[in-house]
Amino acid sequence: MGARGMKTMIFRTLFLNTALIVPSLRQLMAMAVESSHELSVGKP
């Protein structure tokens, strides 16, 4: 396998990882926003 094949494989892996990571990142962001909102509102 040449350098070109390696590059393609690395890009593919990065792309797949990003596709998997982004949804969980969004979920984490949503959770963080919700918790900070609750904190600013002040729950009893």
Foldseek 3Di string as FASTA:
>chain_A
DDPVVVVVVVVVVVVVVCVVVVVVVVVVVVVVVVVVVCVVVDDD
